[in-house]
N, C-alpha and C. Protein backbone atom coordinates (compact mmCIF):
# COMPACT_ATOMS: atom_id res chain seq x y z
N MET A 1 12.68 16.73 9.15
CA MET A 1 11.96 17.60 8.24
C MET A 1 11.46 16.82 7.04
N ARG A 2 12.25 15.89 6.53
CA ARG A 2 11.89 15.10 5.37
C ARG A 2 10.62 14.31 5.64
N LYS A 3 10.52 13.63 6.77
CA LYS A 3 9.34 12.84 7.08
C LYS A 3 8.12 13.73 7.26
N ARG A 4 8.29 14.87 7.89
CA ARG A 4 7.17 15.78 8.11
C ARG A 4 6.58 16.24 6.78
N ASN A 5 7.42 16.57 5.82
CA ASN A 5 6.93 17.00 4.51
C ASN A 5 6.17 15.89 3.82
N THR A 6 6.66 14.65 3.93
CA THR A 6 5.96 13.54 3.31
C THR A 6 4.60 13.33 3.95
N VAL A 7 4.54 13.39 5.28
CA VAL A 7 3.26 13.23 5.98
C VAL A 7 2.29 14.32 5.57
N ILE A 8 2.75 15.56 5.51
CA ILE A 8 1.89 16.67 5.10
C ILE A 8 1.37 16.43 3.69
N ALA A 9 2.24 16.01 2.79
CA ALA A 9 1.83 15.78 1.41
C ALA A 9 0.82 14.65 1.31
N LEU A 10 1.03 13.55 2.04
CA LEU A 10 0.10 12.44 1.98
C LEU A 10 -1.23 12.78 2.62
N VAL A 11 -1.22 13.53 3.71
CA VAL A 11 -2.47 13.95 4.34
C VAL A 11 -3.23 14.88 3.39
N ALA A 12 -2.51 15.76 2.71
CA ALA A 12 -3.16 16.64 1.73
C ALA A 12 -3.75 15.82 0.60
N SER A 13 -3.04 14.80 0.16
CA SER A 13 -3.54 13.93 -0.90
C SER A 13 -4.80 13.20 -0.45
N ALA A 14 -4.79 12.66 0.76
CA ALA A 14 -5.96 11.97 1.28
C ALA A 14 -7.13 12.93 1.43
N SER A 15 -6.86 14.17 1.83
CA SER A 15 -7.92 15.16 1.97
C SER A 15 -8.59 15.44 0.64
N LEU A 16 -7.80 15.50 -0.44
CA LEU A 16 -8.36 15.70 -1.77
C LEU A 16 -9.27 14.55 -2.15
N ILE A 17 -8.88 13.35 -1.79
CA ILE A 17 -9.71 12.19 -2.11
C ILE A 17 -11.02 12.25 -1.34
N PHE A 18 -10.96 12.58 -0.04
CA PHE A 18 -12.19 12.66 0.74
C PHE A 18 -13.09 13.77 0.22
N ALA A 19 -12.51 14.88 -0.20
CA ALA A 19 -13.30 15.97 -0.77
C ALA A 19 -14.01 15.50 -2.03
N ALA A 20 -13.33 14.68 -2.81
CA ALA A 20 -13.93 14.17 -4.04
C ALA A 20 -15.08 13.21 -3.75
N CYS A 21 -15.15 12.68 -2.56
CA CYS A 21 -16.21 11.74 -2.19
C CYS A 21 -17.45 12.44 -1.69
N GLY A 22 -17.57 13.73 -1.90
CA GLY A 22 -18.69 14.52 -1.39
C GLY A 22 -20.04 13.89 -1.61
N GLY A 23 -20.34 13.40 -2.78
CA GLY A 23 -21.63 12.77 -3.04
C GLY A 23 -21.46 11.28 -3.17
N ASP A 24 -22.56 10.55 -3.04
CA ASP A 24 -22.49 9.10 -3.12
C ASP A 24 -22.02 8.62 -4.48
N ASP A 25 -22.38 9.34 -5.55
CA ASP A 25 -22.03 8.89 -6.88
C ASP A 25 -20.79 9.57 -7.46
N ASP A 26 -20.14 10.41 -6.67
CA ASP A 26 -18.96 11.11 -7.18
C ASP A 26 -17.79 10.15 -7.31
N ALA A 27 -17.00 10.34 -8.33
CA ALA A 27 -15.80 9.52 -8.52
C ALA A 27 -14.69 10.05 -7.63
N VAL A 28 -13.86 9.16 -7.17
CA VAL A 28 -12.72 9.54 -6.35
C VAL A 28 -11.51 9.72 -7.24
N ASP A 29 -10.79 10.82 -7.05
CA ASP A 29 -9.57 11.06 -7.82
C ASP A 29 -8.43 10.29 -7.18
N THR A 30 -8.11 9.15 -7.77
CA THR A 30 -7.04 8.32 -7.21
C THR A 30 -5.71 8.60 -7.89
N THR A 31 -5.67 9.59 -8.75
CA THR A 31 -4.42 9.88 -9.45
C THR A 31 -3.72 11.10 -8.88
N THR A 32 -4.15 11.55 -7.70
CA THR A 32 -3.53 12.70 -7.08
C THR A 32 -2.04 12.43 -6.89
N THR A 33 -1.23 13.33 -7.32
CA THR A 33 0.21 13.18 -7.21
C THR A 33 0.71 13.93 -5.99
N VAL A 34 1.54 13.28 -5.22
CA VAL A 34 2.13 13.91 -4.06
C VAL A 34 3.40 14.59 -4.51
N THR A 35 3.44 15.92 -4.36
CA THR A 35 4.58 16.66 -4.89
C THR A 35 5.38 17.40 -3.82
N GLU A 36 4.93 17.36 -2.59
CA GLU A 36 5.59 18.14 -1.55
C GLU A 36 6.66 17.37 -0.79
N THR A 37 7.05 16.21 -1.27
CA THR A 37 8.04 15.43 -0.54
C THR A 37 9.44 15.96 -0.82
N THR A 38 10.31 15.68 0.12
CA THR A 38 11.71 16.01 -0.09
C THR A 38 12.46 14.71 -0.27
N GLU A 39 13.58 14.76 -0.90
CA GLU A 39 14.34 13.56 -1.17
C GLU A 39 15.34 13.27 -0.06
N ALA A 40 15.66 11.99 0.06
CA ALA A 40 16.67 11.59 1.02
C ALA A 40 18.03 12.07 0.51
N PRO A 41 18.99 12.22 1.42
CA PRO A 41 20.33 12.60 0.98
C PRO A 41 20.84 11.62 -0.08
N ALA A 42 21.67 12.13 -1.00
CA ALA A 42 22.18 11.32 -2.10
C ALA A 42 22.79 10.03 -1.58
N GLY A 43 22.47 8.93 -2.26
CA GLY A 43 23.03 7.64 -1.90
C GLY A 43 22.33 6.95 -0.75
N GLU A 44 21.38 7.60 -0.13
CA GLU A 44 20.68 7.03 1.02
C GLU A 44 19.20 6.92 0.69
N PRO A 45 18.63 5.69 0.70
CA PRO A 45 17.20 5.58 0.38
C PRO A 45 16.36 6.18 1.50
N GLY A 46 15.20 6.70 1.13
CA GLY A 46 14.25 7.20 2.12
C GLY A 46 13.54 6.03 2.79
N ASP A 47 12.58 6.35 3.64
CA ASP A 47 11.80 5.29 4.28
C ASP A 47 10.81 4.69 3.27
N ILE A 48 10.07 3.70 3.70
CA ILE A 48 9.14 2.98 2.83
C ILE A 48 8.20 3.95 2.11
N VAL A 49 7.61 4.89 2.81
CA VAL A 49 6.65 5.82 2.22
C VAL A 49 7.34 6.74 1.22
N GLU A 50 8.48 7.27 1.59
CA GLU A 50 9.21 8.17 0.68
C GLU A 50 9.62 7.47 -0.61
N VAL A 51 10.10 6.26 -0.49
CA VAL A 51 10.53 5.51 -1.67
C VAL A 51 9.33 5.22 -2.57
N ALA A 52 8.21 4.82 -1.98
CA ALA A 52 7.00 4.53 -2.76
C ALA A 52 6.50 5.78 -3.48
N VAL A 53 6.46 6.89 -2.77
CA VAL A 53 5.99 8.15 -3.37
C VAL A 53 6.92 8.59 -4.49
N ALA A 54 8.22 8.49 -4.26
CA ALA A 54 9.20 8.91 -5.26
C ALA A 54 9.14 8.06 -6.52
N ALA A 55 8.70 6.82 -6.40
CA ALA A 55 8.63 5.92 -7.56
C ALA A 55 7.60 6.40 -8.58
N GLY A 56 6.58 7.11 -8.13
CA GLY A 56 5.61 7.69 -9.04
C GLY A 56 4.47 6.80 -9.46
N SER A 57 4.50 5.52 -9.15
CA SER A 57 3.42 4.63 -9.56
C SER A 57 2.63 4.08 -8.38
N PHE A 58 2.74 4.77 -7.25
CA PHE A 58 2.05 4.31 -6.05
C PHE A 58 1.22 5.42 -5.39
N SER A 59 0.70 6.37 -6.18
CA SER A 59 -0.04 7.48 -5.60
C SER A 59 -1.34 7.01 -4.94
N THR A 60 -1.98 5.99 -5.50
CA THR A 60 -3.20 5.47 -4.88
C THR A 60 -2.87 4.80 -3.56
N LEU A 61 -1.79 4.03 -3.53
CA LEU A 61 -1.36 3.40 -2.28
C LEU A 61 -1.04 4.47 -1.24
N ALA A 62 -0.33 5.50 -1.64
CA ALA A 62 0.03 6.58 -0.70
C ALA A 62 -1.22 7.26 -0.15
N ALA A 63 -2.19 7.52 -1.01
CA ALA A 63 -3.44 8.14 -0.56
C ALA A 63 -4.20 7.22 0.38
N ALA A 64 -4.21 5.93 0.08
CA ALA A 64 -4.90 4.97 0.94
C ALA A 64 -4.21 4.87 2.30
N LEU A 65 -2.87 4.89 2.31
CA LEU A 65 -2.13 4.88 3.58
C LEU A 65 -2.48 6.11 4.41
N GLY A 66 -2.58 7.26 3.74
CA GLY A 66 -2.97 8.49 4.43
C GLY A 66 -4.37 8.39 4.99
N ALA A 67 -5.30 7.86 4.21
CA ALA A 67 -6.70 7.71 4.64
C ALA A 67 -6.82 6.77 5.83
N ALA A 68 -5.96 5.75 5.87
CA ALA A 68 -6.01 4.77 6.96
C ALA A 68 -5.15 5.17 8.15
N GLY A 69 -4.42 6.27 8.06
CA GLY A 69 -3.57 6.71 9.16
C GLY A 69 -2.33 5.85 9.34
N LEU A 70 -1.84 5.24 8.27
CA LEU A 70 -0.69 4.33 8.37
C LEU A 70 0.63 4.92 7.91
N VAL A 71 0.62 6.18 7.46
CA VAL A 71 1.84 6.80 6.96
C VAL A 71 2.92 6.82 8.04
N GLU A 72 2.59 7.31 9.19
CA GLU A 72 3.57 7.42 10.28
C GLU A 72 4.11 6.05 10.67
N THR A 73 3.23 5.06 10.68
CA THR A 73 3.66 3.70 11.03
C THR A 73 4.74 3.21 10.06
N LEU A 74 4.49 3.38 8.77
CA LEU A 74 5.44 2.89 7.77
C LEU A 74 6.65 3.79 7.61
N GLN A 75 6.66 4.92 8.31
CA GLN A 75 7.86 5.74 8.37
C GLN A 75 8.64 5.45 9.64
N GLY A 76 8.13 4.52 10.44
CA GLY A 76 8.78 4.14 11.69
C GLY A 76 10.05 3.34 11.46
N GLU A 77 10.63 2.91 12.55
CA GLU A 77 11.93 2.24 12.52
C GLU A 77 11.93 0.96 11.70
N GLY A 78 10.84 0.20 11.75
CA GLY A 78 10.80 -1.06 11.01
C GLY A 78 11.63 -2.14 11.68
N PRO A 79 12.10 -3.09 10.95
CA PRO A 79 12.01 -3.19 9.49
C PRO A 79 10.64 -3.66 9.04
N PHE A 80 10.30 -3.29 7.79
CA PHE A 80 9.05 -3.68 7.16
C PHE A 80 9.35 -4.29 5.80
N THR A 81 8.51 -5.21 5.41
CA THR A 81 8.48 -5.67 4.03
C THR A 81 7.09 -5.31 3.53
N VAL A 82 7.03 -4.52 2.46
CA VAL A 82 5.75 -4.08 1.92
C VAL A 82 5.58 -4.66 0.52
N PHE A 83 4.47 -5.35 0.32
CA PHE A 83 4.08 -5.83 -1.00
C PHE A 83 3.16 -4.75 -1.55
N ALA A 84 3.71 -3.89 -2.40
CA ALA A 84 3.05 -2.65 -2.80
C ALA A 84 2.32 -2.77 -4.13
N PRO A 85 0.98 -2.67 -4.10
CA PRO A 85 0.24 -2.66 -5.37
C PRO A 85 0.41 -1.32 -6.08
N THR A 86 0.57 -1.37 -7.39
CA THR A 86 0.72 -0.16 -8.20
C THR A 86 -0.62 0.53 -8.39
N ASP A 87 -0.57 1.72 -8.95
CA ASP A 87 -1.81 2.43 -9.30
C ASP A 87 -2.67 1.59 -10.23
N ASP A 88 -2.04 0.89 -11.18
CA ASP A 88 -2.78 0.02 -12.09
C ASP A 88 -3.47 -1.12 -11.35
N ALA A 89 -2.84 -1.64 -10.31
CA ALA A 89 -3.46 -2.70 -9.51
C ALA A 89 -4.72 -2.18 -8.83
N PHE A 90 -4.66 -0.98 -8.27
CA PHE A 90 -5.85 -0.39 -7.65
C PHE A 90 -6.93 -0.11 -8.70
N ALA A 91 -6.52 0.32 -9.89
CA ALA A 91 -7.48 0.63 -10.96
C ALA A 91 -8.21 -0.63 -11.43
N ALA A 92 -7.61 -1.80 -11.23
CA ALA A 92 -8.22 -3.06 -11.65
C ALA A 92 -9.27 -3.58 -10.66
N LEU A 93 -9.41 -2.92 -9.51
CA LEU A 93 -10.45 -3.33 -8.56
C LEU A 93 -11.82 -3.14 -9.21
N PRO A 94 -12.83 -3.90 -8.76
CA PRO A 94 -14.17 -3.72 -9.31
C PRO A 94 -14.63 -2.26 -9.18
N ASP A 95 -15.40 -1.80 -10.17
CA ASP A 95 -15.90 -0.42 -10.17
C ASP A 95 -16.56 -0.08 -8.83
N GLY A 96 -16.16 1.03 -8.27
CA GLY A 96 -16.75 1.53 -7.04
C GLY A 96 -16.09 1.05 -5.76
N LEU A 97 -15.29 -0.01 -5.84
CA LEU A 97 -14.70 -0.57 -4.61
C LEU A 97 -13.69 0.37 -3.98
N LEU A 98 -12.79 0.93 -4.77
CA LEU A 98 -11.79 1.85 -4.21
C LEU A 98 -12.49 3.06 -3.59
N ASP A 99 -13.49 3.60 -4.28
CA ASP A 99 -14.25 4.74 -3.75
C ASP A 99 -14.83 4.39 -2.38
N ALA A 100 -15.41 3.20 -2.28
CA ALA A 100 -16.03 2.76 -1.03
C ALA A 100 -14.98 2.56 0.07
N LEU A 101 -13.84 1.98 -0.28
CA LEU A 101 -12.79 1.75 0.71
C LEU A 101 -12.25 3.06 1.28
N LEU A 102 -12.23 4.10 0.48
CA LEU A 102 -11.65 5.37 0.92
C LEU A 102 -12.61 6.23 1.73
N LEU A 103 -13.85 5.78 1.88
CA LEU A 103 -14.80 6.51 2.71
C LEU A 103 -14.43 6.37 4.18
N PRO A 104 -14.56 7.44 4.96
CA PRO A 104 -14.17 7.38 6.38
C PRO A 104 -14.85 6.25 7.16
N GLU A 105 -16.08 5.91 6.82
CA GLU A 105 -16.77 4.85 7.57
C GLU A 105 -16.20 3.46 7.29
N ASN A 106 -15.33 3.33 6.28
CA ASN A 106 -14.74 2.03 5.96
C ASN A 106 -13.25 1.96 6.29
N VAL A 107 -12.79 2.85 7.16
CA VAL A 107 -11.36 2.92 7.48
C VAL A 107 -10.85 1.62 8.10
N GLU A 108 -11.67 0.91 8.88
CA GLU A 108 -11.22 -0.35 9.49
C GLU A 108 -10.93 -1.40 8.42
N ILE A 109 -11.81 -1.51 7.44
CA ILE A 109 -11.61 -2.47 6.36
C ILE A 109 -10.39 -2.08 5.53
N LEU A 110 -10.28 -0.81 5.20
CA LEU A 110 -9.13 -0.31 4.44
C LEU A 110 -7.84 -0.62 5.18
N THR A 111 -7.82 -0.36 6.47
CA THR A 111 -6.62 -0.61 7.28
C THR A 111 -6.25 -2.08 7.27
N GLN A 112 -7.25 -2.96 7.43
CA GLN A 112 -6.96 -4.40 7.42
C GLN A 112 -6.40 -4.84 6.07
N ILE A 113 -6.97 -4.31 4.98
CA ILE A 113 -6.47 -4.66 3.65
C ILE A 113 -5.04 -4.16 3.47
N LEU A 114 -4.76 -2.93 3.87
CA LEU A 114 -3.41 -2.38 3.71
C LEU A 114 -2.39 -3.13 4.57
N LEU A 115 -2.76 -3.48 5.79
CA LEU A 115 -1.85 -4.22 6.66
C LEU A 115 -1.61 -5.65 6.15
N PHE A 116 -2.51 -6.14 5.30
CA PHE A 116 -2.34 -7.45 4.67
C PHE A 116 -1.24 -7.40 3.61
N HIS A 117 -0.72 -6.21 3.34
CA HIS A 117 0.37 -6.03 2.38
C HIS A 117 1.71 -5.81 3.08
N VAL A 118 1.75 -5.93 4.41
CA VAL A 118 2.95 -5.59 5.19
C VAL A 118 3.36 -6.76 6.08
N VAL A 119 4.66 -7.04 6.07
CA VAL A 119 5.25 -7.94 7.07
C VAL A 119 6.01 -7.03 8.00
N SER A 120 5.63 -7.02 9.26
CA SER A 120 6.25 -6.13 10.24
C SER A 120 7.34 -6.87 11.00
N GLY A 121 8.46 -6.17 11.20
CA GLY A 121 9.54 -6.74 12.00
C GLY A 121 10.49 -7.62 11.23
N ALA A 122 10.31 -7.67 9.90
CA ALA A 122 11.21 -8.50 9.09
C ALA A 122 11.42 -7.85 7.73
N GLU A 123 12.64 -7.93 7.26
CA GLU A 123 12.95 -7.48 5.92
C GLU A 123 13.16 -8.72 5.07
N VAL A 124 12.14 -9.05 4.27
CA VAL A 124 12.16 -10.26 3.47
C VAL A 124 12.60 -9.90 2.05
N THR A 125 13.90 -9.97 1.82
CA THR A 125 14.42 -9.69 0.49
C THR A 125 14.19 -10.91 -0.40
N SER A 126 14.38 -10.74 -1.71
CA SER A 126 14.09 -11.83 -2.64
C SER A 126 14.87 -13.11 -2.33
N ASP A 127 16.07 -12.97 -1.78
CA ASP A 127 16.84 -14.18 -1.47
C ASP A 127 16.31 -14.90 -0.24
N LEU A 128 15.40 -14.26 0.50
CA LEU A 128 14.80 -14.89 1.68
C LEU A 128 13.36 -15.36 1.42
N VAL A 129 12.81 -15.00 0.26
CA VAL A 129 11.44 -15.40 -0.06
C VAL A 129 11.41 -16.90 -0.33
N THR A 130 10.56 -17.59 0.40
CA THR A 130 10.38 -19.02 0.21
C THR A 130 8.90 -19.32 0.13
N ALA A 131 8.57 -20.42 -0.53
CA ALA A 131 7.18 -20.82 -0.64
C ALA A 131 6.66 -21.18 0.75
N GLY A 132 5.40 -20.82 0.98
CA GLY A 132 4.78 -21.14 2.26
C GLY A 132 3.99 -19.96 2.80
N ASP A 133 3.58 -20.09 4.03
CA ASP A 133 2.75 -19.07 4.66
C ASP A 133 3.58 -17.99 5.34
N VAL A 134 3.07 -16.75 5.24
CA VAL A 134 3.72 -15.60 5.85
C VAL A 134 2.70 -14.89 6.72
N GLN A 135 3.10 -14.54 7.93
CA GLN A 135 2.23 -13.79 8.84
C GLN A 135 2.29 -12.32 8.47
N MET A 136 1.16 -11.74 8.12
CA MET A 136 1.09 -10.34 7.72
C MET A 136 0.75 -9.47 8.93
N ALA A 137 0.99 -8.18 8.83
CA ALA A 137 0.74 -7.25 9.94
C ALA A 137 -0.74 -7.16 10.29
N SER A 138 -1.61 -7.58 9.39
CA SER A 138 -3.05 -7.57 9.66
C SER A 138 -3.45 -8.70 10.60
N GLY A 139 -2.54 -9.65 10.82
CA GLY A 139 -2.85 -10.83 11.62
C GLY A 139 -3.26 -12.01 10.75
N ASP A 140 -3.46 -11.76 9.46
CA ASP A 140 -3.83 -12.81 8.52
C ASP A 140 -2.58 -13.47 7.96
N THR A 141 -2.78 -14.62 7.35
CA THR A 141 -1.69 -15.36 6.72
C THR A 141 -1.83 -15.24 5.20
N ALA A 142 -0.71 -14.98 4.53
CA ALA A 142 -0.66 -14.97 3.06
C ALA A 142 0.25 -16.10 2.62
N THR A 143 -0.12 -16.75 1.53
CA THR A 143 0.66 -17.86 1.03
C THR A 143 1.50 -17.42 -0.16
N ILE A 144 2.79 -17.72 -0.09
CA ILE A 144 3.72 -17.44 -1.20
C ILE A 144 3.87 -18.74 -2.00
N VAL A 145 3.70 -18.61 -3.32
CA VAL A 145 3.86 -19.75 -4.22
C VAL A 145 4.94 -19.39 -5.23
N ILE A 146 5.88 -20.31 -5.44
CA ILE A 146 6.94 -20.11 -6.42
C ILE A 146 6.80 -21.19 -7.48
N GLU A 147 6.57 -20.73 -8.73
CA GLU A 147 6.47 -21.65 -9.86
C GLU A 147 7.41 -21.15 -10.95
N GLY A 148 8.57 -21.77 -11.05
CA GLY A 148 9.59 -21.32 -12.01
C GLY A 148 10.06 -19.94 -11.63
N GLU A 149 9.95 -18.99 -12.56
CA GLU A 149 10.36 -17.61 -12.34
C GLU A 149 9.26 -16.76 -11.72
N THR A 150 8.07 -17.31 -11.61
CA THR A 150 6.91 -16.55 -11.12
C THR A 150 6.73 -16.77 -9.62
N ILE A 151 6.62 -15.65 -8.90
CA ILE A 151 6.37 -15.70 -7.45
C ILE A 151 5.08 -14.94 -7.19
N THR A 152 4.17 -15.57 -6.46
CA THR A 152 2.93 -14.90 -6.08
C THR A 152 2.79 -14.92 -4.58
N ILE A 153 2.08 -13.93 -4.07
CA ILE A 153 1.70 -13.90 -2.67
C ILE A 153 0.21 -13.60 -2.65
N ALA A 154 -0.56 -14.47 -2.00
CA ALA A 154 -2.02 -14.34 -1.96
C ALA A 154 -2.58 -14.10 -3.36
N ASP A 155 -2.07 -14.85 -4.32
CA ASP A 155 -2.47 -14.80 -5.74
C ASP A 155 -2.06 -13.54 -6.48
N ALA A 156 -1.31 -12.63 -5.85
CA ALA A 156 -0.81 -11.42 -6.53
C ALA A 156 0.61 -11.69 -6.99
N GLU A 157 0.86 -11.48 -8.28
CA GLU A 157 2.20 -11.72 -8.80
C GLU A 157 3.16 -10.64 -8.35
N ILE A 158 4.32 -11.06 -7.91
CA ILE A 158 5.37 -10.11 -7.53
C ILE A 158 6.09 -9.72 -8.80
N ALA A 159 5.93 -8.44 -9.19
CA ALA A 159 6.45 -7.95 -10.46
C ALA A 159 7.87 -7.41 -10.36
N ALA A 160 8.26 -6.90 -9.21
CA ALA A 160 9.61 -6.37 -8.98
C ALA A 160 9.95 -6.60 -7.52
N VAL A 161 11.21 -6.84 -7.26
CA VAL A 161 11.63 -7.17 -5.90
C VAL A 161 12.74 -6.24 -5.41
N ASP A 162 12.88 -6.22 -4.10
CA ASP A 162 14.03 -5.60 -3.43
C ASP A 162 14.22 -4.12 -3.72
N VAL A 163 13.14 -3.36 -3.70
CA VAL A 163 13.27 -1.91 -3.77
C VAL A 163 13.65 -1.47 -2.36
N ALA A 164 14.88 -1.00 -2.20
CA ALA A 164 15.44 -0.72 -0.87
C ALA A 164 14.87 0.56 -0.27
N ALA A 165 14.64 0.53 1.02
CA ALA A 165 14.24 1.70 1.80
C ALA A 165 15.07 1.68 3.08
N SER A 166 15.13 2.80 3.75
CA SER A 166 15.94 2.87 4.97
C SER A 166 15.38 2.00 6.10
N ASN A 167 14.08 1.70 6.04
CA ASN A 167 13.47 0.91 7.11
C ASN A 167 12.83 -0.37 6.60
N GLY A 168 13.33 -0.87 5.47
CA GLY A 168 12.81 -2.13 4.96
C GLY A 168 12.97 -2.28 3.48
N VAL A 169 12.06 -3.05 2.89
CA VAL A 169 12.13 -3.36 1.47
C VAL A 169 10.72 -3.39 0.89
N ILE A 170 10.61 -3.02 -0.38
CA ILE A 170 9.34 -3.04 -1.08
C ILE A 170 9.43 -4.05 -2.21
N HIS A 171 8.38 -4.87 -2.34
CA HIS A 171 8.21 -5.74 -3.50
C HIS A 171 6.95 -5.25 -4.20
N VAL A 172 7.03 -5.02 -5.49
CA VAL A 172 5.91 -4.50 -6.27
C VAL A 172 5.02 -5.66 -6.70
N ILE A 173 3.71 -5.52 -6.46
CA ILE A 173 2.78 -6.59 -6.85
C ILE A 173 1.75 -6.08 -7.85
N SER A 174 1.18 -7.02 -8.58
CA SER A 174 0.32 -6.70 -9.72
C SER A 174 -1.16 -6.54 -9.36
N SER A 175 -1.54 -6.86 -8.14
CA SER A 175 -2.94 -6.71 -7.75
C SER A 175 -3.04 -6.42 -6.27
N VAL A 176 -4.20 -5.93 -5.87
CA VAL A 176 -4.45 -5.62 -4.47
C VAL A 176 -4.89 -6.91 -3.78
N MET A 177 -4.25 -7.24 -2.69
CA MET A 177 -4.58 -8.46 -1.95
C MET A 177 -5.66 -8.14 -0.91
N VAL A 178 -6.60 -9.05 -0.76
CA VAL A 178 -7.66 -8.89 0.23
C VAL A 178 -7.64 -10.12 1.13
N PRO A 179 -7.55 -9.93 2.46
CA PRO A 179 -7.54 -11.09 3.35
C PRO A 179 -8.83 -11.92 3.21
N ALA A 180 -8.71 -13.21 3.42
CA ALA A 180 -9.84 -14.13 3.25
C ALA A 180 -11.07 -13.72 4.07
N GLY A 181 -10.88 -13.16 5.24
CA GLY A 181 -12.00 -12.82 6.11
C GLY A 181 -12.68 -11.49 5.82
N VAL A 182 -12.22 -10.78 4.81
CA VAL A 182 -12.78 -9.46 4.50
C VAL A 182 -13.72 -9.59 3.29
N ASP A 183 -14.98 -9.20 3.49
CA ASP A 183 -15.98 -9.26 2.44
C ASP A 183 -16.14 -7.88 1.81
N VAL A 184 -15.44 -7.65 0.71
CA VAL A 184 -15.52 -6.35 0.04
C VAL A 184 -16.77 -6.23 -0.82
N THR A 185 -17.42 -7.36 -1.12
CA THR A 185 -18.64 -7.29 -1.93
C THR A 185 -19.74 -6.56 -1.20
N ALA A 186 -19.72 -6.62 0.12
CA ALA A 186 -20.72 -5.89 0.92
C ALA A 186 -20.59 -4.39 0.72
N LEU A 187 -19.36 -3.91 0.49
CA LEU A 187 -19.14 -2.49 0.25
C LEU A 187 -19.74 -2.06 -1.08
N LEU A 188 -19.72 -2.96 -2.06
CA LEU A 188 -20.26 -2.63 -3.38
C LEU A 188 -21.78 -2.64 -3.38
N ALA A 189 -22.36 -3.42 -2.48
CA ALA A 189 -23.82 -3.52 -2.42
C ALA A 189 -24.43 -2.29 -1.76
N GLY A 190 -23.64 -1.60 -0.92
CA GLY A 190 -24.15 -0.47 -0.15
C GLY A 190 -24.27 0.73 -0.93
């Protein structure tokens, strides 16, 4: 029941975003709050999606996951490691890019970008993070760089680590990562 409520809430959130995209120049409401989720039993973390939604600073990520049809995937058995951009990270994208990514005709690009934030089949906690290349669920490679106390992945700084979920771990990042082969500037030109 808990997962079903989260899926319903995220689909409703994504529907609000698509409704806001009615006209070409309309702004997309990326601050939609998902409120229909239920909490995991006390002492037990929810899945990746539930934990992200409950944190309150990932509503844009949750809406994007809903738009790309990835909610159910990230509620699966896992394990997953998710490098989760905050709402502020999405807000820092160039003007119009998020609106363009959330359009139904750009779902493939959105999906590839979101999967570039996921390591599937591995729970990479902070004690396992090492400098070097990591294979992401998108099929692309992201490079982790460690300089003193600062850790980056694909040039996005990891701001918080080891947010536990029942099916993996979340690391909070400061910017949205885009795989090298994805040209988002073409979306802005259209």
